[in-house]
Amino acid sequence: MLSILSKLQRLAKLSLGDWMLLIQLVAFVLLLEVALRLFSLPSLVRLLSSGAQSRWGGIFPLCHGRAERQQLSDLSALAARIVRGPEYCLPRSLLLFWLFSARRKPVTLVIGVRKEAGTLHSHAWVETHDGLAVSGQREGAVFEPLLRFSGAGR
């Protein structure tokens, strides 16, 4: 019950602008879920990268250019969790890859793996040109990078 209450309190603190951006990000994550079933990951990443570079690609979601890096990261994680639940790293990372590519920022989508107790685990994150995770922490530190997809500026 405590976690639900804390989540509701966090949502209540969102500004109107955050809500508008969050709704658009949720819609985009839903589109990504469909696209992940229709395209291979490399094809989808190429589509996102070229789409973000197009004239209209940088417009969606509306007003995302005003958001700070951490705000985009937090709202993207929230949107991906709303749609995907606890296994949200890939749609969140694809969303951040799109958003930062649309801003013409050099980013890399990284897919990493690790083996724990005989089970293979995977994780996705986005890094800036200097190797820092976009979310502000090195999420993939315990994962061995397996695939890298470069975005804008690379």
N, C-alpha and C. Protein backbone atom coordinates (compact mmCIF):
# COMPACT_ATOMS: atom_id res chain seq x y z
N MET A 1 0.83 -1.20 0.00
CA MET A 1 0.00 0.00 0.00
C MET A 1 0.87 1.26 0.00
N LEU A 2 2.00 1.19 0.70
CA LEU A 2 2.87 2.35 0.80
C LEU A 2 3.42 2.74 -0.58
N SER A 3 3.78 1.76 -1.38
CA SER A 3 4.35 2.09 -2.69
C SER A 3 3.30 2.74 -3.59
N ILE A 4 2.06 2.31 -3.50
CA ILE A 4 0.99 2.92 -4.30
C ILE A 4 0.78 4.36 -3.86
N LEU A 5 0.79 4.60 -2.57
CA LEU A 5 0.62 5.94 -2.04
C LEU A 5 1.77 6.85 -2.49
N SER A 6 3.00 6.34 -2.42
CA SER A 6 4.14 7.16 -2.84
C SER A 6 4.09 7.44 -4.34
N LYS A 7 3.63 6.49 -5.12
CA LYS A 7 3.49 6.70 -6.57
C LYS A 7 2.43 7.76 -6.86
N LEU A 8 1.33 7.71 -6.14
CA LEU A 8 0.27 8.71 -6.32
C LEU A 8 0.75 10.10 -5.92
N GLN A 9 1.52 10.17 -4.83
CA GLN A 9 2.07 11.46 -4.41
C GLN A 9 3.03 12.01 -5.44
N ARG A 10 3.82 11.14 -6.05
CA ARG A 10 4.76 11.56 -7.09
C ARG A 10 4.01 12.08 -8.31
N LEU A 11 2.93 11.40 -8.70
CA LEU A 11 2.12 11.85 -9.84
C LEU A 11 1.45 13.19 -9.53
N ALA A 12 1.04 13.38 -8.30
CA ALA A 12 0.37 14.62 -7.91
C ALA A 12 1.31 15.82 -8.01
N LYS A 13 2.61 15.58 -7.92
CA LYS A 13 3.59 16.66 -7.98
C LYS A 13 3.92 17.10 -9.40
N LEU A 14 3.45 16.36 -10.40
CA LEU A 14 3.73 16.72 -11.79
C LEU A 14 3.01 18.00 -12.18
N SER A 15 3.71 18.84 -12.92
CA SER A 15 3.09 20.07 -13.42
C SER A 15 2.19 19.74 -14.60
N LEU A 16 1.40 20.71 -15.04
CA LEU A 16 0.55 20.52 -16.20
C LEU A 16 1.39 20.20 -17.44
N GLY A 17 2.52 20.89 -17.59
CA GLY A 17 3.42 20.61 -18.70
C GLY A 17 3.97 19.19 -18.66
N ASP A 18 4.32 18.73 -17.45
CA ASP A 18 4.79 17.35 -17.29
C ASP A 18 3.71 16.35 -17.68
N TRP A 19 2.48 16.63 -17.28
CA TRP A 19 1.36 15.75 -17.63
C TRP A 19 1.16 15.69 -19.14
N MET A 20 1.23 16.84 -19.79
CA MET A 20 1.06 16.88 -21.25
C MET A 20 2.16 16.06 -21.93
N LEU A 21 3.38 16.22 -21.46
CA LEU A 21 4.49 15.47 -22.03
C LEU A 21 4.34 13.98 -21.72
N LEU A 22 3.97 13.64 -20.50
CA LEU A 22 3.80 12.24 -20.10
C LEU A 22 2.75 11.54 -20.96
N ILE A 23 1.64 12.18 -21.21
CA ILE A 23 0.58 11.57 -22.03
C ILE A 23 1.10 11.26 -23.43
N GLN A 24 1.86 12.19 -24.00
CA GLN A 24 2.43 11.97 -25.34
C GLN A 24 3.47 10.84 -25.31
N LEU A 25 4.25 10.79 -24.25
CA LEU A 25 5.27 9.74 -24.13
C LEU A 25 4.63 8.36 -23.97
N VAL A 26 3.54 8.29 -23.23
CA VAL A 26 2.82 7.02 -23.09
C VAL A 26 2.31 6.57 -24.46
N ALA A 27 1.75 7.50 -25.23
CA ALA A 27 1.28 7.17 -26.57
C ALA A 27 2.43 6.66 -27.44
N PHE A 28 3.59 7.29 -27.33
CA PHE A 28 4.74 6.88 -28.12
C PHE A 28 5.23 5.50 -27.69
N VAL A 29 5.22 5.22 -26.39
CA VAL A 29 5.63 3.90 -25.91
C VAL A 29 4.67 2.83 -26.44
N LEU A 30 3.39 3.14 -26.50
CA LEU A 30 2.43 2.19 -27.07
C LEU A 30 2.76 1.91 -28.54
N LEU A 31 3.13 2.95 -29.28
CA LEU A 31 3.55 2.76 -30.68
C LEU A 31 4.82 1.92 -30.75
N LEU A 32 5.74 2.16 -29.83
CA LEU A 32 6.97 1.37 -29.80
C LEU A 32 6.69 -0.10 -29.52
N GLU A 33 5.73 -0.37 -28.66
CA GLU A 33 5.36 -1.76 -28.37
C GLU A 33 4.90 -2.48 -29.63
N VAL A 34 4.11 -1.80 -30.45
CA VAL A 34 3.66 -2.38 -31.72
C VAL A 34 4.85 -2.54 -32.66
N ALA A 35 5.67 -1.50 -32.75
CA ALA A 35 6.83 -1.53 -33.65
C ALA A 35 7.81 -2.64 -33.27
N LEU A 36 7.97 -2.91 -31.98
CA LEU A 36 8.87 -3.98 -31.55
C LEU A 36 8.39 -5.35 -32.02
N ARG A 37 7.11 -5.47 -32.29
CA ARG A 37 6.57 -6.73 -32.80
C ARG A 37 6.64 -6.82 -34.32
N LEU A 38 6.75 -5.67 -34.97
CA LEU A 38 6.76 -5.63 -36.44
C LEU A 38 8.16 -5.57 -37.04
N PHE A 39 9.12 -5.00 -36.32
CA PHE A 39 10.45 -4.76 -36.86
C PHE A 39 11.50 -5.44 -35.98
N SER A 40 12.62 -5.77 -36.60
CA SER A 40 13.77 -6.22 -35.80
C SER A 40 14.30 -5.00 -35.04
N LEU A 41 15.04 -5.23 -33.98
CA LEU A 41 15.57 -4.12 -33.19
C LEU A 41 16.48 -3.23 -34.03
N PRO A 42 17.42 -3.77 -34.81
CA PRO A 42 18.25 -2.88 -35.64
C PRO A 42 17.43 -2.04 -36.62
N SER A 43 16.41 -2.63 -37.22
CA SER A 43 15.56 -1.88 -38.15
C SER A 43 14.79 -0.78 -37.42
N LEU A 44 14.29 -1.09 -36.24
CA LEU A 44 13.54 -0.10 -35.47
C LEU A 44 14.44 1.05 -35.05
N VAL A 45 15.65 0.75 -34.62
CA VAL A 45 16.59 1.80 -34.21
C VAL A 45 16.93 2.69 -35.39
N ARG A 46 17.16 2.09 -36.56
CA ARG A 46 17.44 2.90 -37.77
C ARG A 46 16.25 3.79 -38.10
N LEU A 47 15.05 3.25 -37.98
CA LEU A 47 13.83 4.02 -38.23
C LEU A 47 13.70 5.18 -37.25
N LEU A 48 13.95 4.91 -35.98
CA LEU A 48 13.88 5.97 -34.96
C LEU A 48 14.93 7.04 -35.22
N SER A 49 16.14 6.62 -35.54
CA SER A 49 17.22 7.57 -35.77
C SER A 49 16.93 8.46 -36.97
N SER A 50 16.53 7.86 -38.07
CA SER A 50 16.24 8.67 -39.27
C SER A 50 14.98 9.50 -39.06
N GLY A 51 13.99 8.96 -38.38
CA GLY A 51 12.78 9.72 -38.11
C GLY A 51 13.03 10.91 -37.21
N ALA A 52 13.89 10.74 -36.23
CA ALA A 52 14.23 11.84 -35.33
C ALA A 52 14.96 12.95 -36.05
N GLN A 53 15.70 12.60 -37.10
CA GLN A 53 16.46 13.59 -37.87
C GLN A 53 15.60 14.30 -38.92
N SER A 54 14.41 13.78 -39.17
CA SER A 54 13.56 14.38 -40.19
C SER A 54 13.01 15.72 -39.71
N ARG A 55 12.48 16.48 -40.63
CA ARG A 55 11.94 17.81 -40.29
C ARG A 55 10.86 17.73 -39.22
N TRP A 56 9.99 16.74 -39.33
CA TRP A 56 8.87 16.62 -38.40
C TRP A 56 9.21 15.77 -37.17
N GLY A 57 10.29 15.01 -37.27
CA GLY A 57 10.65 14.11 -36.18
C GLY A 57 10.98 14.79 -34.88
N GLY A 58 11.57 15.97 -34.96
CA GLY A 58 11.95 16.68 -33.75
C GLY A 58 10.81 17.38 -33.05
N ILE A 59 9.65 17.37 -33.68
CA ILE A 59 8.50 18.07 -33.10
C ILE A 59 7.79 17.21 -32.05
N PHE A 60 7.67 15.91 -32.31
CA PHE A 60 6.96 15.03 -31.38
C PHE A 60 7.93 14.48 -30.34
N PRO A 61 7.54 14.44 -29.11
CA PRO A 61 6.33 15.01 -28.52
C PRO A 61 6.42 16.52 -28.41
N LEU A 62 5.28 17.15 -28.48
CA LEU A 62 5.22 18.61 -28.42
C LEU A 62 5.86 19.11 -27.13
N CYS A 63 6.61 20.15 -27.23
CA CYS A 63 7.24 20.84 -26.09
C CYS A 63 8.34 20.03 -25.40
N HIS A 64 8.81 18.94 -25.98
CA HIS A 64 9.86 18.19 -25.30
C HIS A 64 11.18 18.96 -25.28
N GLY A 65 11.34 19.91 -26.19
CA GLY A 65 12.56 20.70 -26.23
C GLY A 65 12.75 21.58 -25.01
N ARG A 66 11.67 21.86 -24.30
CA ARG A 66 11.76 22.69 -23.09
C ARG A 66 12.16 21.89 -21.86
N ALA A 67 12.05 20.58 -21.95
CA ALA A 67 12.31 19.73 -20.79
C ALA A 67 13.81 19.53 -20.60
N GLU A 68 14.23 19.48 -19.36
CA GLU A 68 15.62 19.20 -19.01
C GLU A 68 15.91 17.71 -19.20
N ARG A 69 17.18 17.38 -19.27
CA ARG A 69 17.60 16.00 -19.49
C ARG A 69 17.03 15.05 -18.44
N GLN A 70 17.16 15.40 -17.16
CA GLN A 70 16.67 14.52 -16.09
C GLN A 70 15.15 14.42 -16.11
N GLN A 71 14.48 15.51 -16.43
CA GLN A 71 13.02 15.51 -16.52
C GLN A 71 12.58 14.55 -17.63
N LEU A 72 13.23 14.61 -18.78
CA LEU A 72 12.91 13.69 -19.88
C LEU A 72 13.16 12.24 -19.47
N SER A 73 14.26 12.02 -18.79
CA SER A 73 14.59 10.67 -18.34
C SER A 73 13.53 10.14 -17.37
N ASP A 74 13.15 10.95 -16.40
CA ASP A 74 12.16 10.54 -15.41
C ASP A 74 10.79 10.29 -16.05
N LEU A 75 10.36 11.20 -16.92
CA LEU A 75 9.05 11.04 -17.56
C LEU A 75 9.05 9.87 -18.53
N SER A 76 10.17 9.62 -19.19
CA SER A 76 10.26 8.48 -20.10
C SER A 76 10.18 7.17 -19.32
N ALA A 77 10.86 7.12 -18.19
CA ALA A 77 10.80 5.92 -17.35
C ALA A 77 9.38 5.70 -16.84
N LEU A 78 8.72 6.76 -16.43
CA LEU A 78 7.35 6.65 -15.95
C LEU A 78 6.41 6.18 -17.05
N ALA A 79 6.53 6.75 -18.24
CA ALA A 79 5.68 6.34 -19.37
C ALA A 79 5.91 4.87 -19.72
N ALA A 80 7.16 4.45 -19.75
CA ALA A 80 7.47 3.06 -20.08
C ALA A 80 6.95 2.11 -19.01
N ARG A 81 7.05 2.50 -17.73
CA ARG A 81 6.52 1.65 -16.65
C ARG A 81 5.02 1.55 -16.72
N ILE A 82 4.34 2.63 -17.09
CA ILE A 82 2.88 2.61 -17.21
C ILE A 82 2.46 1.58 -18.25
N VAL A 83 3.17 1.56 -19.37
CA VAL A 83 2.81 0.65 -20.46
C VAL A 83 3.35 -0.75 -20.24
N ARG A 84 4.60 -0.88 -19.83
CA ARG A 84 5.28 -2.17 -19.81
C ARG A 84 5.36 -2.81 -18.43
N GLY A 85 5.21 -2.04 -17.36
CA GLY A 85 5.37 -2.60 -16.02
C GLY A 85 6.83 -2.63 -15.63
N PRO A 86 7.23 -3.59 -14.81
CA PRO A 86 8.59 -3.59 -14.28
C PRO A 86 9.68 -3.87 -15.33
N GLU A 87 9.35 -4.45 -16.44
CA GLU A 87 10.31 -4.75 -17.50
C GLU A 87 10.26 -3.63 -18.54
N TYR A 88 10.67 -2.44 -18.15
CA TYR A 88 10.46 -1.26 -18.98
C TYR A 88 11.72 -0.69 -19.61
N CYS A 89 12.89 -1.30 -19.41
CA CYS A 89 14.13 -0.66 -19.83
C CYS A 89 14.25 -0.48 -21.35
N LEU A 90 13.79 -1.45 -22.15
CA LEU A 90 13.93 -1.30 -23.60
C LEU A 90 13.04 -0.19 -24.16
N PRO A 91 11.73 -0.17 -23.86
CA PRO A 91 10.95 0.95 -24.40
C PRO A 91 11.40 2.31 -23.86
N ARG A 92 11.81 2.37 -22.61
CA ARG A 92 12.33 3.63 -22.06
C ARG A 92 13.57 4.07 -22.81
N SER A 93 14.46 3.13 -23.06
CA SER A 93 15.71 3.45 -23.76
C SER A 93 15.45 3.84 -25.20
N LEU A 94 14.53 3.17 -25.87
CA LEU A 94 14.18 3.55 -27.25
C LEU A 94 13.58 4.94 -27.28
N LEU A 95 12.76 5.24 -26.30
CA LEU A 95 12.15 6.57 -26.20
C LEU A 95 13.22 7.64 -25.97
N LEU A 96 14.15 7.41 -25.07
CA LEU A 96 15.23 8.37 -24.83
C LEU A 96 16.14 8.50 -26.05
N PHE A 97 16.39 7.38 -26.72
CA PHE A 97 17.19 7.41 -27.95
C PHE A 97 16.53 8.34 -28.97
N TRP A 98 15.22 8.21 -29.13
CA TRP A 98 14.46 9.08 -30.05
C TRP A 98 14.56 10.54 -29.62
N LEU A 99 14.27 10.81 -28.36
CA LEU A 99 14.22 12.19 -27.88
C LEU A 99 15.56 12.90 -28.01
N PHE A 100 16.64 12.23 -27.65
CA PHE A 100 17.95 12.88 -27.73
C PHE A 100 18.47 12.94 -29.17
N SER A 101 18.10 11.96 -29.98
CA SER A 101 18.44 12.04 -31.41
C SER A 101 17.71 13.21 -32.05
N ALA A 102 16.45 13.42 -31.67
CA ALA A 102 15.67 14.56 -32.21
C ALA A 102 16.30 15.89 -31.79
N ARG A 103 16.97 15.92 -30.66
CA ARG A 103 17.67 17.13 -30.21
C ARG A 103 19.06 17.24 -30.81
N ARG A 104 19.38 16.30 -31.70
CA ARG A 104 20.69 16.26 -32.37
C ARG A 104 21.82 16.02 -31.37
N LYS A 105 21.54 15.33 -30.30
CA LYS A 105 22.56 14.98 -29.30
C LYS A 105 23.13 13.61 -29.65
N PRO A 106 24.45 13.45 -29.61
CA PRO A 106 25.04 12.14 -29.90
C PRO A 106 24.75 11.16 -28.76
N VAL A 107 24.01 10.11 -29.07
CA VAL A 107 23.65 9.10 -28.08
C VAL A 107 23.84 7.71 -28.68
N THR A 108 23.97 6.74 -27.80
CA THR A 108 24.10 5.34 -28.20
C THR A 108 23.15 4.51 -27.37
N LEU A 109 22.34 3.69 -28.04
CA LEU A 109 21.49 2.72 -27.38
C LEU A 109 22.35 1.48 -27.14
N VAL A 110 22.41 1.02 -25.90
CA VAL A 110 23.24 -0.12 -25.55
C VAL A 110 22.36 -1.23 -24.99
N ILE A 111 22.59 -2.44 -25.49
CA ILE A 111 21.92 -3.63 -24.96
C ILE A 111 23.02 -4.46 -24.30
N GLY A 112 22.84 -4.75 -23.02
CA GLY A 112 23.84 -5.51 -22.29
C GLY A 112 23.25 -6.77 -21.68
N VAL A 113 24.12 -7.70 -21.32
CA VAL A 113 23.69 -8.96 -20.71
C VAL A 113 24.57 -9.28 -19.51
N ARG A 114 24.05 -10.14 -18.64
CA ARG A 114 24.84 -10.70 -17.55
C ARG A 114 24.24 -12.06 -17.20
N LYS A 115 25.08 -12.91 -16.69
CA LYS A 115 24.64 -14.24 -16.28
C LYS A 115 24.67 -14.30 -14.77
N GLU A 116 23.55 -14.69 -14.20
CA GLU A 116 23.43 -14.75 -12.74
C GLU A 116 22.72 -16.05 -12.37
N ALA A 117 23.39 -16.88 -11.62
CA ALA A 117 22.84 -18.17 -11.18
C ALA A 117 22.31 -18.98 -12.36
N GLY A 118 23.09 -18.98 -13.46
CA GLY A 118 22.71 -19.78 -14.62
C GLY A 118 21.62 -19.18 -15.50
N THR A 119 21.17 -17.97 -15.15
CA THR A 119 20.12 -17.30 -15.93
C THR A 119 20.71 -16.07 -16.61
N LEU A 120 20.37 -15.91 -17.88
CA LEU A 120 20.85 -14.76 -18.65
C LEU A 120 19.87 -13.60 -18.48
N HIS A 121 20.37 -12.45 -18.05
CA HIS A 121 19.56 -11.25 -17.87
C HIS A 121 20.02 -10.21 -18.89
N SER A 122 19.10 -9.36 -19.31
CA SER A 122 19.48 -8.30 -20.26
C SER A 122 18.99 -6.95 -19.74
N HIS A 123 19.59 -5.91 -20.28
CA HIS A 123 19.22 -4.55 -19.89
C HIS A 123 19.53 -3.62 -21.05
N ALA A 124 18.75 -2.57 -21.19
CA ALA A 124 18.98 -1.56 -22.23
C ALA A 124 19.13 -0.21 -21.56
N TRP A 125 20.05 0.60 -22.09
CA TRP A 125 20.24 1.96 -21.59
C TRP A 125 20.77 2.82 -22.71
N VAL A 126 20.75 4.12 -22.50
CA VAL A 126 21.24 5.08 -23.49
C VAL A 126 22.41 5.84 -22.89
N GLU A 127 23.48 5.93 -23.66
CA GLU A 127 24.67 6.66 -23.22
C GLU A 127 24.88 7.90 -24.08
N THR A 128 25.47 8.91 -23.46
CA THR A 128 25.86 10.11 -24.20
C THR A 128 27.22 9.83 -24.85
N HIS A 129 27.71 10.78 -25.60
CA HIS A 129 28.99 10.61 -26.30
C HIS A 129 30.16 10.35 -25.36
N ASP A 130 30.04 10.76 -24.10
CA ASP A 130 31.13 10.54 -23.14
C ASP A 130 30.94 9.28 -22.30
N GLY A 131 29.98 8.44 -22.68
CA GLY A 131 29.78 7.17 -22.00
C GLY A 131 28.91 7.21 -20.76
N LEU A 132 28.34 8.37 -20.45
CA LEU A 132 27.46 8.48 -19.29
C LEU A 132 26.04 8.08 -19.67
N ALA A 133 25.39 7.36 -18.78
CA ALA A 133 24.00 6.98 -19.03
C ALA A 133 23.14 8.24 -18.98
N VAL A 134 22.18 8.33 -19.90
CA VAL A 134 21.33 9.51 -19.98
C VAL A 134 20.54 9.73 -18.70
N SER A 135 20.19 8.68 -18.02
CA SER A 135 19.41 8.83 -16.80
C SER A 135 20.23 9.36 -15.63
N GLY A 136 21.51 9.56 -15.84
CA GLY A 136 22.35 10.14 -14.80
C GLY A 136 23.08 9.12 -13.96
N GLN A 137 22.86 7.83 -14.20
CA GLN A 137 23.59 6.80 -13.47
C GLN A 137 24.05 5.73 -14.46
N ARG A 138 25.05 5.03 -14.12
CA ARG A 138 25.59 3.99 -15.02
C ARG A 138 24.82 2.71 -14.78
N GLU A 139 23.63 2.65 -15.39
CA GLU A 139 22.75 1.51 -15.18
C GLU A 139 23.36 0.21 -15.66
N GLY A 140 24.12 0.27 -16.71
CA GLY A 140 24.65 -0.95 -17.30
C GLY A 140 25.94 -1.43 -16.69
N ALA A 141 26.35 -0.87 -15.56
CA ALA A 141 27.64 -1.19 -14.98
C ALA A 141 27.80 -2.68 -14.71
N VAL A 142 26.74 -3.37 -14.36
CA VAL A 142 26.83 -4.80 -14.08
C VAL A 142 26.48 -5.64 -15.31
N PHE A 143 26.21 -5.01 -16.43
CA PHE A 143 25.88 -5.70 -17.67
C PHE A 143 27.01 -5.52 -18.68
N GLU A 144 27.35 -6.57 -19.36
CA GLU A 144 28.37 -6.52 -20.40
C GLU A 144 27.71 -6.07 -21.70
N PRO A 145 28.13 -4.93 -22.27
CA PRO A 145 27.51 -4.46 -23.52
C PRO A 145 27.62 -5.52 -24.61
N LEU A 146 26.51 -5.78 -25.28
CA LEU A 146 26.43 -6.77 -26.34
C LEU A 146 26.19 -6.10 -27.70
N LEU A 147 25.30 -5.13 -27.72
CA LEU A 147 24.96 -4.40 -28.94
C LEU A 147 25.00 -2.90 -28.67
N ARG A 148 25.44 -2.14 -29.65
CA ARG A 148 25.45 -0.67 -29.56
C ARG A 148 24.88 -0.12 -30.86
N PHE A 149 23.95 0.84 -30.72
CA PHE A 149 23.35 1.51 -31.87
C PHE A 149 23.56 3.00 -31.69
N SER A 150 24.24 3.64 -32.62
CA SER A 150 24.53 5.07 -32.51
C SER A 150 23.41 5.90 -33.08
N GLY A 151 23.18 7.06 -32.43
CA GLY A 151 22.16 8.00 -32.88
C GLY A 151 22.78 9.26 -33.45
N ALA A 152 22.13 10.38 -33.24
CA ALA A 152 22.53 11.67 -33.80
C ALA A 152 23.98 12.01 -33.48
N GLY A 153 24.63 12.65 -34.42
CA GLY A 153 25.97 13.14 -34.18
C GLY A 153 27.06 12.09 -34.22
N ARG A 154 26.72 10.85 -34.52
CA ARG A 154 27.73 9.77 -34.51
C ARG A 154 28.11 9.39 -35.91
